[in-house]
Structure formats: structure tokens, C-alpha cells
Amino acid sequence: MKVILTRETSVYETIYPENTELDLVQGKALFLIRLGRARETPEGMVKRALEERSKRKRKEK
């Protein structure tokens, strides 16, 4: 799963480097909402990330 990192999320990632990719997506969503910059809900970000991952897995087969 590709998570696009911004200056805000790289701060989050250094605080919690052991997180899984999905945790990072959820954390990024929550982190951006705290900063007041979210364009979608955490659930929406996670759902979109999972859909993108499943599309990529289908392409690889």
C-alpha cells in the first residue's frame, strides 16, 4: 500500500515508526483531522487505501 507522506505525516511516522501500513493510513487521517486539513474521514481514507491495494494485487496476478 502506498501512503503519500507529507510534512505532517512524516512527523507522525517518526513518533510511531513501528506502525503497520494500515495503522499509518488511519493515523495519517486522524493526524490531518487534528491539524484541520482533512479532506475526508479516517474511514474514507482507510477504505480507499484498501481498495487501491486490492486493485494492485489483482493487477499483479
PDB file of N, CA and C in Angstrom:
ATOM      1  N   MET A   1       0.853  -1.172   0.000  1.00  0.00           N
ATOM      2  CA  MET A   1       0.000   0.000   0.000  1.00  0.00           C
ATOM      3  C   MET A   1       0.899   1.236   0.000  1.00  0.00           C
ATOM      4  N   LYS A   2       0.587   2.160  -0.869  1.00  0.00           N
ATOM      5  CA  LYS A   2       1.382   3.382  -0.935  1.00  0.00           C
ATOM      6  C   LYS A   2       0.682   4.464  -0.123  1.00  0.00           C
ATOM      7  N   VAL A   3       1.398   5.035   0.812  1.00  0.00           N
ATOM      8  CA  VAL A   3       0.869   6.142   1.592  1.00  0.00           C
ATOM      9  C   VAL A   3       1.672   7.366   1.211  1.00  0.00           C
ATOM     10  N   ILE A   4       0.991   8.359   0.700  1.00  0.00           N
ATOM     11  CA  ILE A   4       1.693   9.573   0.315  1.00  0.00           C
ATOM     12  C   ILE A   4       1.991  10.359   1.585  1.00  0.00           C
ATOM     13  N   LEU A   5       3.275  10.565   1.824  1.00  0.00           N
ATOM     14  CA  LEU A   5       3.679  11.237   3.048  1.00  0.00           C
ATOM     15  C   LEU A   5       3.871  12.724   2.795  1.00  0.00           C
ATOM     16  N   THR A   6       3.311  13.502   3.661  1.00  0.00           N
ATOM     17  CA  THR A   6       3.523  14.944   3.620  1.00  0.00           C
ATOM     18  C   THR A   6       4.379  15.315   4.813  1.00  0.00           C
ATOM     19  N   ARG A   7       4.688  16.557   4.929  1.00  0.00           N
ATOM     20  CA  ARG A   7       5.475  17.001   6.078  1.00  0.00           C
ATOM     21  C   ARG A   7       4.765  16.613   7.386  1.00  0.00           C
ATOM     22  N   GLU A   8       3.430  16.722   7.411  1.00  0.00           N
ATOM     23  CA  GLU A   8       2.683  16.391   8.623  1.00  0.00           C
ATOM     24  C   GLU A   8       2.772  14.906   8.957  1.00  0.00           C
ATOM     25  N   THR A   9       2.605  14.046   7.951  1.00  0.00           N
ATOM     26  CA  THR A   9       2.592  12.610   8.247  1.00  0.00           C
ATOM     27  C   THR A   9       3.981  12.088   8.554  1.00  0.00           C
ATOM     28  N   SER A  10       5.017  12.683   8.011  1.00  0.00           N
ATOM     29  CA  SER A  10       6.350  12.199   8.349  1.00  0.00           C
ATOM     30  C   SER A  10       6.653  12.462   9.824  1.00  0.00           C
ATOM     31  N   VAL A  11       6.087  13.518  10.375  1.00  0.00           N
ATOM     32  CA  VAL A  11       6.201  13.747  11.814  1.00  0.00           C
ATOM     33  C   VAL A  11       5.504  12.616  12.557  1.00  0.00           C
ATOM     34  N   TYR A  12       4.295  12.265  12.121  1.00  0.00           N
ATOM     35  CA  TYR A  12       3.549  11.172  12.748  1.00  0.00           C
ATOM     36  C   TYR A  12       4.343   9.879  12.657  1.00  0.00           C
ATOM     37  N   GLU A  13       4.932   9.624  11.497  1.00  0.00           N
ATOM     38  CA  GLU A  13       5.655   8.372  11.287  1.00  0.00           C
ATOM     39  C   GLU A  13       6.881   8.274  12.195  1.00  0.00           C
ATOM     40  N   THR A  14       7.555   9.376  12.434  1.00  0.00           N
ATOM     41  CA  THR A  14       8.725   9.305  13.307  1.00  0.00           C
ATOM     42  C   THR A  14       8.322   9.099  14.755  1.00  0.00           C
ATOM     43  N   ILE A  15       7.119   9.565  15.135  1.00  0.00           N
ATOM     44  CA  ILE A  15       6.653   9.327  16.504  1.00  0.00           C
ATOM     45  C   ILE A  15       6.270   7.857  16.677  1.00  0.00           C
ATOM     46  N   TYR A  16       5.664   7.262  15.652  1.00  0.00           N
ATOM     47  CA  TYR A  16       5.191   5.885  15.714  1.00  0.00           C
ATOM     48  C   TYR A  16       5.792   5.052  14.577  1.00  0.00           C
ATOM     49  N   PRO A  17       7.104   4.802  14.584  1.00  0.00           N
ATOM     50  CA  PRO A  17       7.732   4.115  13.442  1.00  0.00           C
ATOM     51  C   PRO A  17       7.348   2.646  13.311  1.00  0.00           C
ATOM     52  N   GLU A  18       6.815   2.031  14.397  1.00  0.00           N
ATOM     53  CA  GLU A  18       6.525   0.595  14.347  1.00  0.00           C
ATOM     54  C   GLU A  18       5.158   0.285  13.747  1.00  0.00           C
ATOM     55  N   ASN A  19       4.404   1.307  13.364  1.00  0.00           N
ATOM     56  CA  ASN A  19       3.047   1.067  12.873  1.00  0.00           C
ATOM     57  C   ASN A  19       3.023   0.298  11.559  1.00  0.00           C
ATOM     58  N   THR A  20       1.972  -0.483  11.389  1.00  0.00           N
ATOM     59  CA  THR A  20       1.742  -1.155  10.118  1.00  0.00           C
ATOM     60  C   THR A  20       1.247  -0.133   9.111  1.00  0.00           C
ATOM     61  N   GLU A  21       1.180  -0.528   7.838  1.00  0.00           N
ATOM     62  CA  GLU A  21       0.730   0.398   6.803  1.00  0.00           C
ATOM     63  C   GLU A  21      -0.687   0.887   7.062  1.00  0.00           C
ATOM     64  N   LEU A  22      -1.569  -0.023   7.466  1.00  0.00           N
ATOM     65  CA  LEU A  22      -2.952   0.368   7.713  1.00  0.00           C
ATOM     66  C   LEU A  22      -3.045   1.327   8.897  1.00  0.00           C
ATOM     67  N   ASP A  23      -2.280   1.044   9.943  1.00  0.00           N
ATOM     68  CA  ASP A  23      -2.241   1.963  11.086  1.00  0.00           C
ATOM     69  C   ASP A  23      -1.756   3.339  10.652  1.00  0.00           C
ATOM     70  N   LEU A  24      -0.779   3.348   9.742  1.00  0.00           N
ATOM     71  CA  LEU A  24      -0.241   4.618   9.267  1.00  0.00           C
ATOM     72  C   LEU A  24      -1.307   5.406   8.515  1.00  0.00           C
ATOM     73  N   VAL A  25      -2.117   4.713   7.712  1.00  0.00           N
ATOM     74  CA  VAL A  25      -3.192   5.398   6.991  1.00  0.00           C
ATOM     75  C   VAL A  25      -4.198   5.973   7.974  1.00  0.00           C
ATOM     76  N   GLN A  26      -4.602   5.162   8.951  1.00  0.00           N
ATOM     77  CA  GLN A  26      -5.553   5.645   9.956  1.00  0.00           C
ATOM     78  C   GLN A  26      -4.948   6.792  10.752  1.00  0.00           C
ATOM     79  N   GLY A  27      -3.697   6.631  11.131  1.00  0.00           N
ATOM     80  CA  GLY A  27      -3.021   7.664  11.903  1.00  0.00           C
ATOM     81  C   GLY A  27      -2.877   8.945  11.107  1.00  0.00           C
ATOM     82  N   LYS A  28      -2.556   8.798   9.828  1.00  0.00           N
ATOM     83  CA  LYS A  28      -2.431   9.975   8.967  1.00  0.00           C
ATOM     84  C   LYS A  28      -3.765  10.709   8.904  1.00  0.00           C
ATOM     85  N   ALA A  29      -4.841   9.964   8.758  1.00  0.00           N
ATOM     86  CA  ALA A  29      -6.165  10.587   8.677  1.00  0.00           C
ATOM     87  C   ALA A  29      -6.473  11.340   9.966  1.00  0.00           C
ATOM     88  N   LEU A  30      -6.242  10.698  11.102  1.00  0.00           N
ATOM     89  CA  LEU A  30      -6.518  11.343  12.387  1.00  0.00           C
ATOM     90  C   LEU A  30      -5.607  12.545  12.608  1.00  0.00           C
ATOM     91  N   PHE A  31      -4.357  12.377  12.192  1.00  0.00           N
ATOM     92  CA  PHE A  31      -3.377  13.441  12.364  1.00  0.00           C
ATOM     93  C   PHE A  31      -3.775  14.673  11.543  1.00  0.00           C
ATOM     94  N   LEU A  32      -4.192  14.440  10.301  1.00  0.00           N
ATOM     95  CA  LEU A  32      -4.595  15.559   9.441  1.00  0.00           C
ATOM     96  C   LEU A  32      -5.871  16.215   9.947  1.00  0.00           C
ATOM     97  N   ILE A  33      -6.784  15.404  10.498  1.00  0.00           N
ATOM     98  CA  ILE A  33      -8.010  15.978  11.051  1.00  0.00           C
ATOM     99  C   ILE A  33      -7.662  16.871  12.249  1.00  0.00           C
ATOM    100  N   ARG A  34      -6.728  16.418  13.065  1.00  0.00           N
ATOM    101  CA  ARG A  34      -6.316  17.255  14.202  1.00  0.00           C
ATOM    102  C   ARG A  34      -5.727  18.571  13.718  1.00  0.00           C
ATOM    103  N   LEU A  35      -5.048  18.532  12.593  1.00  0.00           N
ATOM    104  CA  LEU A  35      -4.465  19.754  12.039  1.00  0.00           C
ATOM    105  C   LEU A  35      -5.499  20.575  11.266  1.00  0.00           C
ATOM    106  N   GLY A  36      -6.690  20.033  11.109  1.00  0.00           N
ATOM    107  CA  GLY A  36      -7.738  20.754  10.397  1.00  0.00           C
ATOM    108  C   GLY A  36      -7.542  20.764   8.897  1.00  0.00           C
ATOM    109  N   ARG A  37      -6.855  19.761   8.345  1.00  0.00           N
ATOM    110  CA  ARG A  37      -6.543  19.747   6.915  1.00  0.00           C
ATOM    111  C   ARG A  37      -7.148  18.552   6.189  1.00  0.00           C
ATOM    112  N   ALA A  38      -7.996  17.792   6.872  1.00  0.00           N
ATOM    113  CA  ALA A  38      -8.515  16.570   6.267  1.00  0.00           C
ATOM    114  C   ALA A  38      -9.547  16.899   5.198  1.00  0.00           C
ATOM    115  N   ARG A  39      -9.480  16.156   4.104  1.00  0.00           N
ATOM    116  CA  ARG A  39     -10.473  16.296   3.044  1.00  0.00           C
ATOM    117  C   ARG A  39     -11.480  15.156   3.083  1.00  0.00           C
ATOM    118  N   GLU A  40     -11.182  14.128   3.858  1.00  0.00           N
ATOM    119  CA  GLU A  40     -12.105  13.015   4.008  1.00  0.00           C
ATOM    120  C   GLU A  40     -11.943  12.410   5.402  1.00  0.00           C
ATOM    121  N   THR A  41     -12.877  11.570   5.771  1.00  0.00           N
ATOM    122  CA  THR A  41     -12.851  10.968   7.103  1.00  0.00           C
ATOM    123  C   THR A  41     -11.782   9.878   7.184  1.00  0.00           C
ATOM    124  N   PRO A  42     -11.349   9.507   8.378  1.00  0.00           N
ATOM    125  CA  PRO A  42     -10.391   8.401   8.509  1.00  0.00           C
ATOM    126  C   PRO A  42     -10.922   7.122   7.870  1.00  0.00           C
ATOM    127  N   GLU A  43     -12.223   6.866   8.048  1.00  0.00           N
ATOM    128  CA  GLU A  43     -12.807   5.654   7.456  1.00  0.00           C
ATOM    129  C   GLU A  43     -12.693   5.700   5.932  1.00  0.00           C
ATOM    130  N   GLY A  44     -12.930   6.864   5.367  1.00  0.00           N
ATOM    131  CA  GLY A  44     -12.839   7.014   3.910  1.00  0.00           C
ATOM    132  C   GLY A  44     -11.424   6.800   3.409  1.00  0.00           C
ATOM    133  N   MET A  45     -10.447   7.327   4.139  1.00  0.00           N
ATOM    134  CA  MET A  45      -9.050   7.148   3.735  1.00  0.00           C
ATOM    135  C   MET A  45      -8.645   5.682   3.808  1.00  0.00           C
ATOM    136  N   VAL A  46      -9.054   5.006   4.877  1.00  0.00           N
ATOM    137  CA  VAL A  46      -8.706   3.593   5.043  1.00  0.00           C
ATOM    138  C   VAL A  46      -9.375   2.762   3.946  1.00  0.00           C
ATOM    139  N   LYS A  47     -10.655   3.031   3.701  1.00  0.00           N
ATOM    140  CA  LYS A  47     -11.384   2.290   2.679  1.00  0.00           C
ATOM    141  C   LYS A  47     -10.727   2.471   1.305  1.00  0.00           C
ATOM    142  N   ARG A  48     -10.362   3.709   0.973  1.00  0.00           N
ATOM    143  CA  ARG A  48      -9.734   3.982  -0.317  1.00  0.00           C
ATOM    144  C   ARG A  48      -8.378   3.288  -0.422  1.00  0.00           C
ATOM    145  N   ALA A  49      -7.598   3.318   0.672  1.00  0.00           N
ATOM    146  CA  ALA A  49      -6.287   2.667   0.661  1.00  0.00           C
ATOM    147  C   ALA A  49      -6.430   1.159   0.461  1.00  0.00           C
ATOM    148  N   LEU A  50      -7.419   0.548   1.114  1.00  0.00           N
ATOM    149  CA  LEU A  50      -7.630  -0.893   0.954  1.00  0.00           C
ATOM    150  C   LEU A  50      -8.083  -1.225  -0.465  1.00  0.00           C
ATOM    151  N   GLU A  51      -8.933  -0.376  -1.056  1.00  0.00           N
ATOM    152  CA  GLU A  51      -9.370  -0.598  -2.436  1.00  0.00           C
ATOM    153  C   GLU A  51      -8.198  -0.503  -3.401  1.00  0.00           C
ATOM    154  N   GLU A  52      -7.330   0.492  -3.203  1.00  0.00           N
ATOM    155  CA  GLU A  52      -6.162   0.637  -4.066  1.00  0.00           C
ATOM    156  C   GLU A  52      -5.245  -0.565  -3.940  1.00  0.00           C
ATOM    157  N   ARG A  53      -5.076  -1.079  -2.715  1.00  0.00           N
ATOM    158  CA  ARG A  53      -4.212  -2.242  -2.506  1.00  0.00           C
ATOM    159  C   ARG A  53      -4.794  -3.475  -3.200  1.00  0.00           C
ATOM    160  N   SER A  54      -6.119  -3.665  -3.095  1.00  0.00           N
ATOM    161  CA  SER A  54      -6.711  -4.841  -3.726  1.00  0.00           C
ATOM    162  C   SER A  54      -6.649  -4.726  -5.254  1.00  0.00           C
ATOM    163  N   LYS A  55      -6.779  -3.524  -5.802  1.00  0.00           N
ATOM    164  CA  LYS A  55      -6.634  -3.343  -7.256  1.00  0.00           C
ATOM    165  C   LYS A  55      -5.225  -3.723  -7.700  1.00  0.00           C
ATOM    166  N   ARG A  56      -4.227  -3.288  -6.924  1.00  0.00           N
ATOM    167  CA  ARG A  56      -2.844  -3.583  -7.280  1.00  0.00           C
ATOM    168  C   ARG A  56      -2.577  -5.079  -7.204  1.00  0.00           C
ATOM    169  N   LYS A  57      -3.129  -5.751  -6.202  1.00  0.00           N
ATOM    170  CA  LYS A  57      -2.931  -7.196  -6.067  1.00  0.00           C
ATOM    171  C   LYS A  57      -3.552  -7.935  -7.247  1.00  0.00           C
ATOM    172  N   ARG A  58      -4.712  -7.455  -7.718  1.00  0.00           N
ATOM    173  CA  ARG A  58      -5.348  -8.084  -8.888  1.00  0.00           C
ATOM    174  C   ARG A  58      -4.491  -7.901 -10.135  1.00  0.00           C
ATOM    175  N   LYS A  59      -3.876  -6.747 -10.276  1.00  0.00           N
ATOM    176  CA  LYS A  59      -3.015  -6.484 -11.438  1.00  0.00           C
ATOM    177  C   LYS A  59      -1.781  -7.377 -11.429  1.00  0.00           C
ATOM    178  N   GLU A  60      -1.253  -7.660 -10.239  1.00  0.00           N
ATOM    179  CA  GLU A  60      -0.035  -8.466 -10.123  1.00  0.00           C
ATOM    180  C   GLU A  60      -0.250  -9.920 -10.524  1.00  0.00           C
ATOM    181  N   LYS A  61      -1.476 -10.411 -10.426  1.00  0.00           N
ATOM    182  CA  LYS A  61      -1.751 -11.827 -10.725  1.00  0.00           C
ATOM    183  C   LYS A  61      -1.664 -12.135 -12.195  1.00  0.00           C
TER     184      LYS A  61
END
